[in-house]
């Protein structure tokens, strides 16, 4: 279901500190509400709660509980699937590292109209 991906996306954005079940359910609810159709918040909350309980049982689960009651986060220590959700393939990293563009086609080879 689409809720599963949204839950994992939200938890990957939150990071180490985790997020409570209620706030996670609110975010999922807001992602799926629009002008023409609306979900019942209690149904979304129940689904999010059951999803978190199902996927945080084992030590190698994708989701783990935090020290705070009712808070969950991605299990990046024991789950390789959770670590893959945290990869960031943005171009900003390359620019910050000072990577020089060595592409020979990147040079402007256009003709000047005013020569």
PDB file of N, CA and C in Angstrom:
ATOM      1  N   UNK A   1       0.838  -1.182   0.000  1.00  0.00           N
ATOM      2  CA  UNK A   1       0.000   0.000   0.000  1.00  0.00           C
ATOM      3  C   UNK A   1       0.883   1.245   0.000  1.00  0.00           C
ATOM      4  N   UNK A   2       0.327   2.349  -0.369  1.00  0.00           N
ATOM      5  CA  UNK A   2       1.086   3.595  -0.452  1.00  0.00           C
ATOM      6  C   UNK A   2       1.470   4.105   0.928  1.00  0.00           C
ATOM      7  N   UNK A   3       0.711   3.748   1.951  1.00  0.00           N
ATOM      8  CA  UNK A   3       1.042   4.186   3.303  1.00  0.00           C
ATOM      9  C   UNK A   3       2.409   3.655   3.730  1.00  0.00           C
ATOM     10  N   UNK A   4       2.734   2.437   3.324  1.00  0.00           N
ATOM     11  CA  UNK A   4       4.001   1.822   3.726  1.00  0.00           C
ATOM     12  C   UNK A   4       5.185   2.667   3.271  1.00  0.00           C
ATOM     13  N   UNK A   5       5.171   3.051   2.021  1.00  0.00           N
ATOM     14  CA  UNK A   5       6.267   3.867   1.481  1.00  0.00           C
ATOM     15  C   UNK A   5       6.320   5.232   2.154  1.00  0.00           C
ATOM     16  N   UNK A   6       5.148   5.798   2.420  1.00  0.00           N
ATOM     17  CA  UNK A   6       5.102   7.107   3.056  1.00  0.00           C
ATOM     18  C   UNK A   6       5.639   7.054   4.489  1.00  0.00           C
ATOM     19  N   UNK A   7       5.321   5.990   5.194  1.00  0.00           N
ATOM     20  CA  UNK A   7       5.828   5.830   6.558  1.00  0.00           C
ATOM     21  C   UNK A   7       7.345   5.741   6.541  1.00  0.00           C
ATOM     22  N   UNK A   8       7.881   4.929   5.647  1.00  0.00           N
ATOM     23  CA  UNK A   8       9.339   4.784   5.567  1.00  0.00           C
ATOM     24  C   UNK A   8      10.017   6.084   5.133  1.00  0.00           C
ATOM     25  N   UNK A   9       9.378   6.812   4.227  1.00  0.00           N
ATOM     26  CA  UNK A   9       9.937   8.089   3.769  1.00  0.00           C
ATOM     27  C   UNK A   9       9.987   9.103   4.913  1.00  0.00           C
ATOM     28  N   UNK A  10       8.919   9.169   5.684  1.00  0.00           N
ATOM     29  CA  UNK A  10       8.871  10.105   6.805  1.00  0.00           C
ATOM     30  C   UNK A  10       9.914   9.731   7.851  1.00  0.00           C
ATOM     31  N   UNK A  11      10.018   8.445   8.164  1.00  0.00           N
ATOM     32  CA  UNK A  11      11.002   8.013   9.161  1.00  0.00           C
ATOM     33  C   UNK A  11      12.430   8.236   8.688  1.00  0.00           C
ATOM     34  N   UNK A  12      12.666   8.138   7.383  1.00  0.00           N
ATOM     35  CA  UNK A  12      14.018   8.403   6.886  1.00  0.00           C
ATOM     36  C   UNK A  12      14.359   9.886   6.965  1.00  0.00           C
ATOM     37  N   UNK A  13      13.371  10.742   6.848  1.00  0.00           N
ATOM     38  CA  UNK A  13      13.613  12.180   6.948  1.00  0.00           C
ATOM     39  C   UNK A  13      13.808  12.623   8.394  1.00  0.00           C
ATOM     40  N   UNK A  14      13.153  11.928   9.318  1.00  0.00           N
ATOM     41  CA  UNK A  14      13.238  12.305  10.732  1.00  0.00           C
ATOM     42  C   UNK A  14      14.607  11.987  11.302  1.00  0.00           C
ATOM     43  N   UNK A  15      15.138  10.815  10.971  1.00  0.00           N
ATOM     44  CA  UNK A  15      16.483  10.465  11.413  1.00  0.00           C
ATOM     45  C   UNK A  15      16.518   9.726  12.735  1.00  0.00           C
ATOM     46  N   UNK A  16      17.584   9.973  13.506  1.00  0.00           N
ATOM     47  CA  UNK A  16      17.879   9.228  14.733  1.00  0.00           C
ATOM     48  C   UNK A  16      16.857   9.415  15.838  1.00  0.00           C
ATOM     49  N   UNK A  17      16.303  10.591  15.975  1.00  0.00           N
ATOM     50  CA  UNK A  17      15.450  10.874  17.129  1.00  0.00           C
ATOM     51  C   UNK A  17      14.120  10.159  17.077  1.00  0.00           C
ATOM     52  N   UNK A  18      13.657   9.787  15.891  1.00  0.00           N
ATOM     53  CA  UNK A  18      12.400   9.062  15.766  1.00  0.00           C
ATOM     54  C   UNK A  18      11.200   9.990  15.799  1.00  0.00           C
ATOM     55  N   UNK A  19      10.024   9.380  15.761  1.00  0.00           N
ATOM     56  CA  UNK A  19       8.782  10.139  15.703  1.00  0.00           C
ATOM     57  C   UNK A  19       7.695   9.343  16.398  1.00  0.00           C
ATOM     58  N   UNK A  20       6.772  10.044  17.045  1.00  0.00           N
ATOM     59  CA  UNK A  20       5.686   9.354  17.732  1.00  0.00           C
ATOM     60  C   UNK A  20       4.686   8.812  16.711  1.00  0.00           C
ATOM     61  N   UNK A  21       3.908   7.846  17.161  1.00  0.00           N
ATOM     62  CA  UNK A  21       2.921   7.223  16.281  1.00  0.00           C
ATOM     63  C   UNK A  21       1.893   8.253  15.834  1.00  0.00           C
ATOM     64  N   UNK A  22       1.470   9.114  16.734  1.00  0.00           N
ATOM     65  CA  UNK A  22       0.446  10.115  16.404  1.00  0.00           C
ATOM     66  C   UNK A  22       0.960  11.098  15.355  1.00  0.00           C
ATOM     67  N   UNK A  23       2.174  11.599  15.524  1.00  0.00           N
ATOM     68  CA  UNK A  23       2.720  12.542  14.535  1.00  0.00           C
ATOM     69  C   UNK A  23       2.961  11.869  13.194  1.00  0.00           C
ATOM     70  N   UNK A  24       3.390  10.627  13.235  1.00  0.00           N
ATOM     71  CA  UNK A  24       3.590   9.880  12.003  1.00  0.00           C
ATOM     72  C   UNK A  24       2.262   9.676  11.286  1.00  0.00           C
ATOM     73  N   UNK A  25       1.219   9.346  12.037  1.00  0.00           N
ATOM     74  CA  UNK A  25      -0.109   9.161  11.447  1.00  0.00           C
ATOM     75  C   UNK A  25      -0.645  10.483  10.880  1.00  0.00           C
ATOM     76  N   UNK A  26      -0.375  11.590  11.568  1.00  0.00           N
ATOM     77  CA  UNK A  26      -0.805  12.898  11.058  1.00  0.00           C
ATOM     78  C   UNK A  26      -0.120  13.232   9.738  1.00  0.00           C
ATOM     79  N   UNK A  27       1.173  12.941   9.655  1.00  0.00           N
ATOM     80  CA  UNK A  27       1.902  13.203   8.407  1.00  0.00           C
ATOM     81  C   UNK A  27       1.379  12.345   7.266  1.00  0.00           C
ATOM     82  N   UNK A  28       1.133  11.073   7.522  1.00  0.00           N
ATOM     83  CA  UNK A  28       0.596  10.192   6.484  1.00  0.00           C
ATOM     84  C   UNK A  28      -0.801  10.651   6.082  1.00  0.00           C
ATOM     85  N   UNK A  29      -1.604  11.033   7.054  1.00  0.00           N
ATOM     86  CA  UNK A  29      -2.960  11.526   6.784  1.00  0.00           C
ATOM     87  C   UNK A  29      -2.915  12.781   5.907  1.00  0.00           C
ATOM     88  N   UNK A  30      -2.023  13.710   6.232  1.00  0.00           N
ATOM     89  CA  UNK A  30      -1.915  14.942   5.458  1.00  0.00           C
ATOM     90  C   UNK A  30      -1.385  14.697   4.048  1.00  0.00           C
ATOM     91  N   UNK A  31      -0.556  13.671   3.882  1.00  0.00           N
ATOM     92  CA  UNK A  31      -0.041  13.359   2.556  1.00  0.00           C
ATOM     93  C   UNK A  31      -1.135  12.795   1.649  1.00  0.00           C
ATOM     94  N   UNK A  32      -2.193  12.238   2.231  1.00  0.00           N
ATOM     95  CA  UNK A  32      -3.238  11.592   1.449  1.00  0.00           C
ATOM     96  C   UNK A  32      -4.535  12.376   1.389  1.00  0.00           C
ATOM     97  N   UNK A  33      -4.614  13.488   2.081  1.00  0.00           N
ATOM     98  CA  UNK A  33      -5.830  14.319   2.036  1.00  0.00           C
ATOM     99  C   UNK A  33      -5.750  15.274   0.851  1.00  0.00           C
ATOM    100  N   UNK A  34      -6.851  15.424   0.193  1.00  0.00           N
ATOM    101  CA  UNK A  34      -6.943  16.431  -0.854  1.00  0.00           C
ATOM    102  C   UNK A  34      -8.346  17.018  -0.841  1.00  0.00           C
ATOM    103  N   UNK A  35      -8.629  17.857  -1.773  1.00  0.00           N
ATOM    104  CA  UNK A  35      -9.889  18.574  -1.790  1.00  0.00           C
ATOM    105  C   UNK A  35     -11.082  17.668  -2.080  1.00  0.00           C
ATOM    106  N   UNK A  36     -10.879  16.619  -2.859  1.00  0.00           N
ATOM    107  CA  UNK A  36     -11.987  15.814  -3.327  1.00  0.00           C
ATOM    108  C   UNK A  36     -12.246  14.561  -2.506  1.00  0.00           C
ATOM    109  N   UNK A  37     -11.246  14.065  -1.807  1.00  0.00           N
ATOM    110  CA  UNK A  37     -11.463  12.884  -0.973  1.00  0.00           C
ATOM    111  C   UNK A  37     -10.653  13.014   0.301  1.00  0.00           C
ATOM    112  N   UNK A  38     -11.180  12.452   1.346  1.00  0.00           N
ATOM    113  CA  UNK A  38     -10.512  12.526   2.629  1.00  0.00           C
ATOM    114  C   UNK A  38     -10.574  11.165   3.293  1.00  0.00           C
ATOM    115  N   UNK A  39      -9.477  10.797   3.922  1.00  0.00           N
ATOM    116  CA  UNK A  39      -9.417   9.549   4.661  1.00  0.00           C
ATOM    117  C   UNK A  39      -9.877   9.814   6.093  1.00  0.00           C
ATOM    118  N   UNK A  40     -10.317   8.791   6.764  1.00  0.00           N
ATOM    119  CA  UNK A  40     -10.647   8.901   8.171  1.00  0.00           C
ATOM    120  C   UNK A  40      -9.349   8.813   8.967  1.00  0.00           C
ATOM    121  N   UNK A  41      -9.107   9.792   9.837  1.00  0.00           N
ATOM    122  CA  UNK A  41      -7.855   9.824  10.578  1.00  0.00           C
ATOM    123  C   UNK A  41      -7.697   8.597  11.471  1.00  0.00           C
ATOM    124  N   UNK A  42      -8.771   8.123  12.058  1.00  0.00           N
ATOM    125  CA  UNK A  42      -8.677   6.961  12.942  1.00  0.00           C
ATOM    126  C   UNK A  42      -8.255   5.710  12.181  1.00  0.00           C
ATOM    127  N   UNK A  43      -8.705   5.571  10.935  1.00  0.00           N
ATOM    128  CA  UNK A  43      -8.285   4.435  10.117  1.00  0.00           C
ATOM    129  C   UNK A  43      -6.801   4.523   9.764  1.00  0.00           C
ATOM    130  N   UNK A  44      -6.352   5.717   9.416  1.00  0.00           N
ATOM    131  CA  UNK A  44      -4.940   5.922   9.088  1.00  0.00           C
ATOM    132  C   UNK A  44      -4.087   5.668  10.325  1.00  0.00           C
ATOM    133  N   UNK A  45      -4.529   6.152  11.471  1.00  0.00           N
ATOM    134  CA  UNK A  45      -3.799   5.949  12.714  1.00  0.00           C
ATOM    135  C   UNK A  45      -3.689   4.465  13.046  1.00  0.00           C
ATOM    136  N   UNK A  46      -4.786   3.736  12.901  1.00  0.00           N
ATOM    137  CA  UNK A  46      -4.777   2.301  13.189  1.00  0.00           C
ATOM    138  C   UNK A  46      -3.841   1.560  12.244  1.00  0.00           C
ATOM    139  N   UNK A  47      -3.838   1.946  10.972  1.00  0.00           N
ATOM    140  CA  UNK A  47      -2.951   1.292  10.013  1.00  0.00           C
ATOM    141  C   UNK A  47      -1.489   1.569  10.342  1.00  0.00           C
ATOM    142  N   UNK A  48      -1.163   2.810  10.641  1.00  0.00           N
ATOM    143  CA  UNK A  48       0.212   3.182  10.964  1.00  0.00           C
ATOM    144  C   UNK A  48       0.663   2.449  12.220  1.00  0.00           C
ATOM    145  N   UNK A  49      -0.198   2.384  13.217  1.00  0.00           N
ATOM    146  CA  UNK A  49       0.138   1.701  14.456  1.00  0.00           C
ATOM    147  C   UNK A  49       0.397   0.211  14.220  1.00  0.00           C
ATOM    148  N   UNK A  50      -0.468  -0.436  13.441  1.00  0.00           N
ATOM    149  CA  UNK A  50      -0.283  -1.858  13.156  1.00  0.00           C
ATOM    150  C   UNK A  50       0.961  -2.099  12.310  1.00  0.00           C
ATOM    151  N   UNK A  51       1.232  -1.217  11.356  1.00  0.00           N
ATOM    152  CA  UNK A  51       2.417  -1.352  10.515  1.00  0.00           C
ATOM    153  C   UNK A  51       3.688  -1.264  11.356  1.00  0.00           C
ATOM    154  N   UNK A  52       3.719  -0.299  12.273  1.00  0.00           N
ATOM    155  CA  UNK A  52       4.898  -0.130  13.118  1.00  0.00           C
ATOM    156  C   UNK A  52       5.082  -1.326  14.049  1.00  0.00           C
ATOM    157  N   UNK A  53       4.003  -1.850  14.578  1.00  0.00           N
ATOM    158  CA  UNK A  53       4.110  -3.007  15.467  1.00  0.00           C
ATOM    159  C   UNK A  53       4.591  -4.243  14.713  1.00  0.00           C
ATOM    160  N   UNK A  54       4.074  -4.442  13.502  1.00  0.00           N
ATOM    161  CA  UNK A  54       4.476  -5.597  12.697  1.00  0.00           C
ATOM    162  C   UNK A  54       5.937  -5.537  12.279  1.00  0.00           C
ATOM    163  N   UNK A  55       6.407  -4.348  11.949  1.00  0.00           N
ATOM    164  CA  UNK A  55       7.748  -4.199  11.387  1.00  0.00           C
ATOM    165  C   UNK A  55       8.805  -3.791  12.407  1.00  0.00           C
ATOM    166  N   UNK A  56       8.508  -3.916  13.692  1.00  0.00           N
ATOM    167  CA  UNK A  56       9.513  -3.609  14.702  1.00  0.00           C
ATOM    168  C   UNK A  56       9.682  -4.755  15.686  1.00  0.00           C
ATOM    169  N   UNK A  57       9.277  -5.946  15.302  1.00  0.00           N
ATOM    170  CA  UNK A  57       9.331  -7.100  16.212  1.00  0.00           C
ATOM    171  C   UNK A  57      10.747  -7.625  16.427  1.00  0.00           C
ATOM    172  N   UNK A  58      11.459  -7.927  15.365  1.00  0.00           N
ATOM    173  CA  UNK A  58      12.761  -8.579  15.479  1.00  0.00           C
ATOM    174  C   UNK A  58      13.904  -7.600  15.609  1.00  0.00           C
ATOM    175  N   UNK A  59      15.082  -8.117  15.953  1.00  0.00           N
ATOM    176  CA  UNK A  59      16.253  -7.233  16.060  1.00  0.00           C
ATOM    177  C   UNK A  59      16.763  -6.754  14.704  1.00  0.00           C
ATOM    178  N   UNK A  60      16.439  -7.450  13.621  1.00  0.00           N
ATOM    179  CA  UNK A  60      16.869  -7.043  12.285  1.00  0.00           C
ATOM    180  C   UNK A  60      15.745  -6.387  11.494  1.00  0.00           C
ATOM    181  N   UNK A  61      14.722  -5.910  12.163  1.00  0.00           N
ATOM    182  CA  UNK A  61      13.594  -5.264  11.494  1.00  0.00           C
ATOM    183  C   UNK A  61      14.007  -3.912  10.926  1.00  0.00           C
ATOM    184  N   UNK A  62      13.240  -3.430   9.978  1.00  0.00           N
ATOM    185  CA  UNK A  62      13.529  -2.139   9.354  1.00  0.00           C
ATOM    186  C   UNK A  62      13.270  -1.002  10.330  1.00  0.00           C
ATOM    187  N   UNK A  63      12.287  -1.162  11.195  1.00  0.00           N
ATOM    188  CA  UNK A  63      11.890  -0.119  12.149  1.00  0.00           C
ATOM    189  C   UNK A  63      12.185  -0.612  13.558  1.00  0.00           C
ATOM    190  N   UNK A  64      12.614   0.316  14.421  1.00  0.00           N
ATOM    191  CA  UNK A  64      12.850  -0.040  15.815  1.00  0.00           C
ATOM    192  C   UNK A  64      12.219   0.996  16.735  1.00  0.00           C
ATOM    193  N   UNK A  65      11.948   0.570  17.947  1.00  0.00           N
ATOM    194  CA  UNK A  65      11.423   1.483  18.958  1.00  0.00           C
ATOM    195  C   UNK A  65      12.575   2.294  19.538  1.00  0.00           C
ATOM    196  N   UNK A  66      12.257   3.505  19.956  1.00  0.00           N
ATOM    197  CA  UNK A  66      13.259   4.326  20.636  1.00  0.00           C
ATOM    198  C   UNK A  66      13.091   4.157  22.141  1.00  0.00           C
ATOM    199  N   UNK A  67      13.854   4.905  22.914  1.00  0.00           N
ATOM    200  CA  UNK A  67      13.746   4.837  24.370  1.00  0.00           C
ATOM    201  C   UNK A  67      12.439   5.438  24.866  1.00  0.00           C
ATOM    202  N   UNK A  68      11.898   6.378  24.137  1.00  0.00           N
ATOM    203  CA  UNK A  68      10.628   6.984  24.518  1.00  0.00           C
ATOM    204  C   UNK A  68       9.479   6.068  24.122  1.00  0.00           C
ATOM    205  N   UNK A  69       8.481   5.998  24.934  1.00  0.00           N
ATOM    206  CA  UNK A  69       7.329   5.152  24.667  1.00  0.00           C
ATOM    207  C   UNK A  69       6.537   5.695  23.480  1.00  0.00           C
ATOM    208  N   UNK A  70       6.255   4.835  22.508  1.00  0.00           N
ATOM    209  CA  UNK A  70       5.456   5.228  21.354  1.00  0.00           C
ATOM    210  C   UNK A  70       6.223   5.928  20.254  1.00  0.00           C
ATOM    211  N   UNK A  71       7.541   5.960  20.333  1.00  0.00           N
ATOM    212  CA  UNK A  71       8.367   6.596  19.308  1.00  0.00           C
ATOM    213  C   UNK A  71       9.111   5.527  18.525  1.00  0.00           C
ATOM    214  N   UNK A  72       9.186   5.718  17.219  1.00  0.00           N
ATOM    215  CA  UNK A  72       9.839   4.757  16.332  1.00  0.00           C
ATOM    216  C   UNK A  72      10.802   5.480  15.408  1.00  0.00           C
ATOM    217  N   UNK A  73      11.809   4.720  14.924  1.00  0.00           N
ATOM    218  CA  UNK A  73      12.785   5.236  13.969  1.00  0.00           C
ATOM    219  C   UNK A  73      13.261   4.073  13.104  1.00  0.00           C
ATOM    220  N   UNK A  74      14.025   4.406  12.071  1.00  0.00           N
ATOM    221  CA  UNK A  74      14.598   3.360  11.233  1.00  0.00           C
ATOM    222  C   UNK A  74      15.738   2.674  11.972  1.00  0.00           C
ATOM    223  N   UNK A  75      15.850   1.384  11.798  1.00  0.00           N
ATOM    224  CA  UNK A  75      16.880   0.589  12.452  1.00  0.00           C
ATOM    225  C   UNK A  75      18.111   0.536  11.544  1.00  0.00           C
ATOM    226  N   UNK A  76      18.930   1.560  11.609  1.00  0.00           N
ATOM    227  CA  UNK A  76      20.090   1.646  10.717  1.00  0.00           C
ATOM    228  C   UNK A  76      21.272   0.832  11.216  1.00  0.00           C
ATOM    229  N   UNK A  77      21.242   0.395  12.462  1.00  0.00           N
ATOM    230  CA  UNK A  77      22.360  -0.376  13.012  1.00  0.00           C
ATOM    231  C   UNK A  77      22.329  -1.829  12.563  1.00  0.00           C
ATOM    232  N   UNK A  78      21.162  -2.446  12.509  1.00  0.00           N
ATOM    233  CA  UNK A  78      21.077  -3.876  12.228  1.00  0.00           C
ATOM    234  C   UNK A  78      20.403  -4.220  10.909  1.00  0.00           C
ATOM    235  N   UNK A  79      19.800  -3.271  10.241  1.00  0.00           N
ATOM    236  CA  UNK A  79      19.049  -3.559   9.023  1.00  0.00           C
ATOM    237  C   UNK A  79      19.693  -2.875   7.825  1.00  0.00           C
ATOM    238  N   UNK A  80      20.100  -3.676   6.847  1.00  0.00           N
ATOM    239  CA  UNK A  80      20.691  -3.099   5.642  1.00  0.00           C
ATOM    240  C   UNK A  80      19.623  -2.417   4.792  1.00  0.00           C
ATOM    241  N   UNK A  81      18.376  -2.885   4.870  1.00  0.00           N
ATOM    242  CA  UNK A  81      17.294  -2.234   4.125  1.00  0.00           C
ATOM    243  C   UNK A  81      17.055  -0.817   4.629  1.00  0.00           C
ATOM    244  N   UNK A  82      17.134  -0.615   5.920  1.00  0.00           N
ATOM    245  CA  UNK A  82      16.947   0.722   6.483  1.00  0.00           C
ATOM    246  C   UNK A  82      18.100   1.642   6.098  1.00  0.00           C
ATOM    247  N   UNK A  83      19.321   1.104   6.044  1.00  0.00           N
ATOM    248  CA  UNK A  83      20.465   1.941   5.639  1.00  0.00           C
ATOM    249  C   UNK A  83      20.324   2.395   4.194  1.00  0.00           C
ATOM    250  N   UNK A  84      19.740   1.559   3.349  1.00  0.00           N
ATOM    251  CA  UNK A  84      19.566   1.942   1.948  1.00  0.00           C
ATOM    252  C   UNK A  84      18.564   3.075   1.800  1.00  0.00           C
ATOM    253  N   UNK A  85      17.632   3.199   2.725  1.00  0.00           N
ATOM    254  CA  UNK A  85      16.657   4.282   2.667  1.00  0.00           C
ATOM    255  C   UNK A  85      17.291   5.634   2.974  1.00  0.00           C
ATOM    256  N   UNK A  86      18.443   5.645   3.602  1.00  0.00           N
ATOM    257  CA  UNK A  86      19.094   6.894   3.992  1.00  0.00           C
ATOM    258  C   UNK A  86      20.065   7.433   2.961  1.00  0.00           C
ATOM    259  N   UNK A  87      20.310   6.700   1.875  1.00  0.00           N
ATOM    260  CA  UNK A  87      21.215   7.194   0.847  1.00  0.00           C
ATOM    261  C   UNK A  87      20.660   8.458   0.219  1.00  0.00           C
ATOM    262  N   UNK A  88      21.542   9.400  -0.021  1.00  0.00           N
ATOM    263  CA  UNK A  88      21.153  10.673  -0.617  1.00  0.00           C
ATOM    264  C   UNK A  88      22.001  10.878  -1.862  1.00  0.00           C
ATOM    265  N   UNK A  89      21.379  10.791  -3.019  1.00  0.00           N
ATOM    266  CA  UNK A  89      22.092  10.919  -4.282  1.00  0.00           C
ATOM    267  C   UNK A  89      21.893  12.312  -4.879  1.00  0.00           C
ATOM    268  N   UNK A  90      22.109  13.311  -4.098  1.00  0.00           N
ATOM    269  CA  UNK A  90      21.912  14.670  -4.600  1.00  0.00           C
ATOM    270  C   UNK A  90      23.197  15.187  -5.224  1.00  0.00           C
ATOM    271  N   UNK A  91      23.058  16.127  -6.118  1.00  0.00           N
ATOM    272  CA  UNK A  91      24.208  16.715  -6.796  1.00  0.00           C
ATOM    273  C   UNK A  91      24.900  17.750  -5.925  1.00  0.00           C
ATOM    274  N   UNK A  92      24.252  18.162  -4.842  1.00  0.00           N
ATOM    275  CA  UNK A  92      24.863  19.151  -3.974  1.00  0.00           C
ATOM    276  C   UNK A  92      26.122  18.615  -3.321  1.00  0.00           C
ATOM    277  N   UNK A  93      26.160  17.336  -3.018  1.00  0.00           N
ATOM    278  CA  UNK A  93      27.336  16.755  -2.401  1.00  0.00           C
ATOM    279  C   UNK A  93      28.552  16.881  -3.312  1.00  0.00           C
ATOM    280  N   UNK A  94      28.369  16.653  -4.605  1.00  0.00           N
ATOM    281  CA  UNK A  94      29.473  16.749  -5.548  1.00  0.00           C
ATOM    282  C   UNK A  94      29.976  18.180  -5.656  1.00  0.00           C
ATOM    283  N   UNK A  95      29.067  19.138  -5.646  1.00  0.00           N
ATOM    284  CA  UNK A  95      29.459  20.529  -5.746  1.00  0.00           C
ATOM    285  C   UNK A  95      30.195  20.980  -4.490  1.00  0.00           C
ATOM    286  N   UNK A  96      29.773  20.504  -3.327  1.00  0.00           N
ATOM    287  CA  UNK A  96      30.422  20.884  -2.085  1.00  0.00           C
ATOM    288  C   UNK A  96      31.807  20.266  -1.962  1.00  0.00           C
ATOM    289  N   UNK A  97      32.005  19.104  -2.551  1.00  0.00           N
ATOM    290  CA  UNK A  97      33.300  18.439  -2.497  1.00  0.00           C
ATOM    291  C   UNK A  97      34.328  19.098  -3.403  1.00  0.00           C
ATOM    292  N   UNK A  98      33.921  20.015  -4.249  1.00  0.00           N
ATOM    293  CA  UNK A  98      34.836  20.707  -5.128  1.00  0.00           C
ATOM    294  C   UNK A  98      35.180  19.905  -6.361  1.00  0.00           C
ATOM    295  N   UNK A  99      34.287  19.038  -6.776  1.00  0.00           N
ATOM    296  CA  UNK A  99      34.541  18.225  -7.962  1.00  0.00           C
ATOM    297  C   UNK A  99      34.528  19.132  -9.188  1.00  0.00           C
ATOM    298  N   UNK A 100      35.559  19.014  -9.990  1.00  0.00           N
ATOM    299  CA  UNK A 100      35.685  19.819 -11.187  1.00  0.00           C
ATOM    300  C   UNK A 100      35.087  19.044 -12.354  1.00  0.00           C
ATOM    301  N   UNK A 101      34.302  19.724 -13.171  1.00  0.00           N
ATOM    302  CA  UNK A 101      33.680  19.073 -14.316  1.00  0.00           C
ATOM    303  C   UNK A 101      34.716  18.925 -15.421  1.00  0.00           C
ATOM    304  N   UNK A 102      35.068  17.687 -15.753  1.00  0.00           N
ATOM    305  CA  UNK A 102      36.088  17.423 -16.772  1.00  0.00           C
ATOM    306  C   UNK A 102      35.463  17.005 -18.084  1.00  0.00           C
ATOM    307  N   UNK A 103      34.199  17.271 -18.258  1.00  0.00           N
ATOM    308  CA  UNK A 103      33.507  16.915 -19.483  1.00  0.00           C
ATOM    309  C   UNK A 103      33.950  17.864 -20.606  1.00  0.00           C
ATOM    310  N   UNK A 104      34.534  17.353 -21.707  1.00  0.00           N
ATOM    311  CA  UNK A 104      34.997  18.251 -22.772  1.00  0.00           C
ATOM    312  C   UNK A 104      33.838  18.936 -23.499  1.00  0.00           C
ATOM    313  N   UNK A 105      32.659  18.377 -23.399  1.00  0.00           N
ATOM    314  CA  UNK A 105      31.506  18.975 -24.075  1.00  0.00           C
ATOM    315  C   UNK A 105      30.861  20.075 -23.251  1.00  0.00           C
ATOM    316  N   UNK A 106      31.337  20.289 -22.040  1.00  0.00           N
ATOM    317  CA  UNK A 106      30.782  21.316 -21.182  1.00  0.00           C
ATOM    318  C   UNK A 106      31.266  22.710 -21.582  1.00  0.00           C
ATOM    319  N   UNK A 107      32.301  22.806 -22.408  1.00  0.00           N
ATOM    320  CA  UNK A 107      32.820  24.103 -22.856  1.00  0.00           C
ATOM    321  C   UNK A 107      31.851  24.679 -23.876  1.00  0.00           C
ATOM    322  N   UNK A 108      31.600  25.972 -23.758  1.00  0.00           N
ATOM    323  CA  UNK A 108      30.675  26.648 -24.650  1.00  0.00           C
ATOM    324  C   UNK A 108      31.308  26.787 -26.037  1.00  0.00           C
ATOM    325  N   UNK A 109      30.796  26.067 -27.004  1.00  0.00           N
ATOM    326  CA  UNK A 109      31.354  26.082 -28.368  1.00  0.00           C
ATOM    327  C   UNK A 109      30.468  26.853 -29.338  1.00  0.00           C
ATOM    328  N   UNK A 110      29.532  27.657 -28.815  1.00  0.00           N
ATOM    329  CA  UNK A 110      28.631  28.390 -29.695  1.00  0.00           C
ATOM    330  C   UNK A 110      29.367  29.546 -30.375  1.00  0.00           C
ATOM    331  N   UNK A 111      28.890  29.942 -31.543  1.00  0.00           N
ATOM    332  CA  UNK A 111      29.478  31.032 -32.307  1.00  0.00           C
ATOM    333  C   UNK A 111      28.937  32.355 -31.836  1.00  0.00           C
ATOM    334  N   UNK A 112      29.790  33.356 -31.849  1.00  0.00           N
ATOM    335  CA  UNK A 112      29.373  34.681 -31.439  1.00  0.00           C
ATOM    336  C   UNK A 112      28.769  35.393 -32.649  1.00  0.00           C
ATOM    337  N   UNK A 113      27.678  36.078 -32.453  1.00  0.00           N
ATOM    338  CA  UNK A 113      27.033  36.820 -33.529  1.00  0.00           C
ATOM    339  C   UNK A 113      27.675  38.164 -33.774  1.00  0.00           C
ATOM    340  N   UNK A 114      28.494  38.642 -32.870  1.00  0.00           N
ATOM    341  CA  UNK A 114      29.012  40.011 -32.964  1.00  0.00           C
ATOM    342  C   UNK A 114      30.504  40.066 -33.245  1.00  0.00           C
ATOM    343  N   UNK A 115      31.135  39.024 -33.768  1.00  0.00           N
ATOM    344  CA  UNK A 115      32.562  39.061 -34.128  1.00  0.00           C
ATOM    345  C   UNK A 115      32.765  39.543 -35.514  1.00  0.00           C
TER     346      UNK A 115
END
